[in-house]
Amino acid sequence: MKNVKALSIAALATLSLISFGSFAESISVTSSTLDGAESKIAAQAQEQGAQYKITEANTNNRVHMTAELYK
């Protein structure tokens, strides 16, 4: 039983170090066009030296777009 607890603690410690070493940030922008919204996301990603993945886009009267930035 002690071995299982020790292994679990070691695994959690390792996973916590991995998560601190990675980078992910969710951002949202608005614009009048899809291209304009994506351009804003691309500019923010470039400022932070990150890549992006668009996770949501909504077009009612204006475009609302959400993306995840990651390195």
N, C-alpha and C. Protein backbone atom coordinates (compact mmCIF):
# COMPACT_ATOMS: atom_id res chain seq x y z
N MET A 1 0.82 -1.19 0.00
CA MET A 1 0.00 0.00 0.00
C MET A 1 0.86 1.25 0.00
N LYS A 2 2.00 1.22 0.74
CA LYS A 2 2.89 2.38 0.77
C LYS A 2 3.47 2.65 -0.62
N ASN A 3 3.77 1.57 -1.36
CA ASN A 3 4.32 1.74 -2.70
C ASN A 3 3.33 2.43 -3.63
N VAL A 4 2.06 2.09 -3.51
CA VAL A 4 1.03 2.70 -4.35
C VAL A 4 0.90 4.19 -4.03
N LYS A 5 0.90 4.53 -2.75
CA LYS A 5 0.82 5.94 -2.36
C LYS A 5 2.04 6.71 -2.82
N ALA A 6 3.22 6.12 -2.66
CA ALA A 6 4.45 6.78 -3.08
C ALA A 6 4.46 6.98 -4.60
N LEU A 7 3.99 5.99 -5.33
CA LEU A 7 3.93 6.09 -6.80
C LEU A 7 2.92 7.16 -7.21
N SER A 8 1.80 7.22 -6.54
CA SER A 8 0.78 8.23 -6.85
C SER A 8 1.31 9.63 -6.59
N ILE A 9 1.98 9.82 -5.49
CA ILE A 9 2.54 11.13 -5.16
C ILE A 9 3.61 11.52 -6.17
N ALA A 10 4.44 10.58 -6.56
CA ALA A 10 5.49 10.86 -7.55
C ALA A 10 4.86 11.22 -8.90
N ALA A 11 3.80 10.53 -9.28
CA ALA A 11 3.14 10.82 -10.55
C ALA A 11 2.50 12.21 -10.53
N LEU A 12 1.86 12.55 -9.43
CA LEU A 12 1.25 13.88 -9.32
C LEU A 12 2.30 14.98 -9.35
N ALA A 13 3.40 14.76 -8.70
CA ALA A 13 4.48 15.75 -8.70
C ALA A 13 5.02 15.96 -10.11
N THR A 14 5.20 14.88 -10.83
CA THR A 14 5.70 14.96 -12.21
C THR A 14 4.71 15.70 -13.10
N LEU A 15 3.43 15.37 -12.98
CA LEU A 15 2.42 16.03 -13.80
C LEU A 15 2.32 17.52 -13.47
N SER A 16 2.46 17.88 -12.23
CA SER A 16 2.38 19.30 -11.88
C SER A 16 3.57 20.07 -12.47
N LEU A 17 4.72 19.47 -12.53
CA LEU A 17 5.89 20.12 -13.14
C LEU A 17 5.69 20.30 -14.63
N ILE A 18 5.09 19.31 -15.27
CA ILE A 18 4.83 19.40 -16.71
C ILE A 18 3.86 20.53 -16.99
N SER A 19 2.81 20.66 -16.21
CA SER A 19 1.81 21.69 -16.47
C SER A 19 2.39 23.09 -16.25
N PHE A 20 3.31 23.26 -15.30
CA PHE A 20 3.92 24.56 -15.09
C PHE A 20 4.87 24.92 -16.22
N GLY A 21 5.42 23.93 -16.90
CA GLY A 21 6.34 24.19 -17.98
C GLY A 21 5.65 24.51 -19.29
N SER A 22 4.37 24.22 -19.42
CA SER A 22 3.67 24.49 -20.67
C SER A 22 2.94 25.83 -20.58
N PHE A 23 2.43 26.28 -21.72
CA PHE A 23 1.76 27.58 -21.78
C PHE A 23 0.47 27.41 -22.55
N ALA A 24 -0.62 27.86 -22.00
CA ALA A 24 -1.89 27.90 -22.72
C ALA A 24 -2.70 29.07 -22.18
N GLU A 25 -3.29 29.80 -23.09
CA GLU A 25 -4.09 30.96 -22.70
C GLU A 25 -5.27 31.07 -23.65
N SER A 26 -6.43 31.31 -23.11
CA SER A 26 -7.63 31.50 -23.91
C SER A 26 -7.84 33.00 -24.12
N ILE A 27 -8.08 33.39 -25.37
CA ILE A 27 -8.33 34.80 -25.66
C ILE A 27 -9.62 34.91 -26.48
N SER A 28 -10.27 36.06 -26.39
CA SER A 28 -11.47 36.35 -27.17
C SER A 28 -11.33 37.72 -27.80
N VAL A 29 -11.82 37.85 -29.03
CA VAL A 29 -11.79 39.12 -29.74
C VAL A 29 -13.13 39.33 -30.43
N THR A 30 -13.38 40.57 -30.83
CA THR A 30 -14.56 40.89 -31.65
C THR A 30 -14.11 41.71 -32.84
N SER A 31 -14.87 41.60 -33.92
CA SER A 31 -14.58 42.34 -35.13
C SER A 31 -15.84 42.34 -35.99
N SER A 32 -15.79 43.06 -37.09
CA SER A 32 -16.95 43.08 -37.99
C SER A 32 -16.88 41.95 -39.02
N THR A 33 -15.70 41.30 -39.18
CA THR A 33 -15.55 40.20 -40.13
C THR A 33 -14.78 39.05 -39.50
N LEU A 34 -14.92 37.87 -40.10
CA LEU A 34 -14.15 36.71 -39.64
C LEU A 34 -12.66 36.94 -39.83
N ASP A 35 -12.29 37.50 -40.99
CA ASP A 35 -10.87 37.76 -41.25
C ASP A 35 -10.29 38.76 -40.25
N GLY A 36 -11.07 39.78 -39.90
CA GLY A 36 -10.62 40.76 -38.94
C GLY A 36 -10.40 40.16 -37.56
N ALA A 37 -11.32 39.29 -37.15
CA ALA A 37 -11.19 38.63 -35.84
C ALA A 37 -9.97 37.72 -35.82
N GLU A 38 -9.77 36.95 -36.89
CA GLU A 38 -8.61 36.06 -36.92
C GLU A 38 -7.31 36.87 -36.96
N SER A 39 -7.32 38.00 -37.64
CA SER A 39 -6.12 38.84 -37.67
C SER A 39 -5.76 39.34 -36.28
N LYS A 40 -6.76 39.70 -35.48
CA LYS A 40 -6.51 40.14 -34.11
C LYS A 40 -5.92 39.01 -33.27
N ILE A 41 -6.46 37.80 -33.44
CA ILE A 41 -5.93 36.65 -32.70
C ILE A 41 -4.50 36.36 -33.13
N ALA A 42 -4.25 36.39 -34.44
CA ALA A 42 -2.90 36.13 -34.95
C ALA A 42 -1.91 37.15 -34.41
N ALA A 43 -2.33 38.42 -34.32
CA ALA A 43 -1.43 39.46 -33.81
C ALA A 43 -1.10 39.23 -32.34
N GLN A 44 -2.10 38.85 -31.55
CA GLN A 44 -1.84 38.59 -30.13
C GLN A 44 -0.92 37.38 -29.96
N ALA A 45 -1.14 36.35 -30.77
CA ALA A 45 -0.28 35.17 -30.71
C ALA A 45 1.16 35.53 -31.08
N GLN A 46 1.32 36.34 -32.11
CA GLN A 46 2.66 36.73 -32.54
C GLN A 46 3.36 37.55 -31.46
N GLU A 47 2.64 38.44 -30.80
CA GLU A 47 3.23 39.24 -29.72
C GLU A 47 3.79 38.37 -28.61
N GLN A 48 3.12 37.24 -28.36
CA GLN A 48 3.53 36.35 -27.27
C GLN A 48 4.40 35.19 -27.75
N GLY A 49 4.73 35.18 -29.03
CA GLY A 49 5.56 34.11 -29.58
C GLY A 49 4.86 32.76 -29.50
N ALA A 50 3.55 32.75 -29.71
CA ALA A 50 2.76 31.53 -29.57
C ALA A 50 2.04 31.20 -30.87
N GLN A 51 1.53 30.00 -30.93
CA GLN A 51 0.64 29.58 -32.02
C GLN A 51 -0.78 29.64 -31.49
N TYR A 52 -1.76 29.51 -32.37
CA TYR A 52 -3.14 29.56 -31.90
C TYR A 52 -4.02 28.53 -32.60
N LYS A 53 -5.09 28.19 -31.92
CA LYS A 53 -6.11 27.30 -32.46
C LYS A 53 -7.46 27.93 -32.15
N ILE A 54 -8.23 28.24 -33.18
CA ILE A 54 -9.54 28.85 -32.97
C ILE A 54 -10.48 27.79 -32.42
N THR A 55 -11.12 28.09 -31.32
CA THR A 55 -12.00 27.12 -30.65
C THR A 55 -13.47 27.48 -30.80
N GLU A 56 -13.78 28.73 -31.21
CA GLU A 56 -15.17 29.14 -31.33
C GLU A 56 -15.26 30.41 -32.16
N ALA A 57 -16.27 30.49 -33.00
CA ALA A 57 -16.55 31.72 -33.74
C ALA A 57 -18.07 31.85 -33.85
N ASN A 58 -18.56 33.06 -33.57
CA ASN A 58 -19.98 33.32 -33.59
C ASN A 58 -20.23 34.59 -34.40
N THR A 59 -21.13 34.51 -35.35
CA THR A 59 -21.44 35.69 -36.16
C THR A 59 -22.91 36.04 -36.01
N ASN A 60 -23.19 37.04 -35.22
CA ASN A 60 -24.52 37.63 -35.16
C ASN A 60 -24.41 38.97 -35.87
N ASN A 61 -24.47 40.07 -35.18
CA ASN A 61 -24.23 41.37 -35.81
C ASN A 61 -22.75 41.65 -35.94
N ARG A 62 -21.95 41.06 -35.07
CA ARG A 62 -20.49 41.18 -35.11
C ARG A 62 -19.91 39.79 -34.93
N VAL A 63 -18.64 39.65 -35.20
CA VAL A 63 -17.96 38.37 -35.04
C VAL A 63 -17.34 38.32 -33.65
N HIS A 64 -17.59 37.25 -32.92
CA HIS A 64 -16.93 36.98 -31.64
C HIS A 64 -16.15 35.68 -31.84
N MET A 65 -14.85 35.71 -31.57
CA MET A 65 -14.00 34.55 -31.81
C MET A 65 -13.16 34.28 -30.57
N THR A 66 -13.03 33.01 -30.22
CA THR A 66 -12.21 32.58 -29.10
C THR A 66 -11.15 31.62 -29.61
N ALA A 67 -9.95 31.72 -29.04
CA ALA A 67 -8.85 30.85 -29.45
C ALA A 67 -7.99 30.51 -28.25
N GLU A 68 -7.27 29.41 -28.36
CA GLU A 68 -6.27 29.00 -27.37
C GLU A 68 -4.90 29.31 -27.94
N LEU A 69 -4.11 30.05 -27.18
CA LEU A 69 -2.71 30.29 -27.55
C LEU A 69 -1.86 29.24 -26.86
N TYR A 70 -0.88 28.71 -27.56
CA TYR A 70 -0.01 27.71 -26.96
C TYR A 70 1.39 27.81 -27.54
N LYS A 71 2.36 27.37 -26.75
CA LYS A 71 3.76 27.35 -27.19
C LYS A 71 4.22 25.92 -27.29
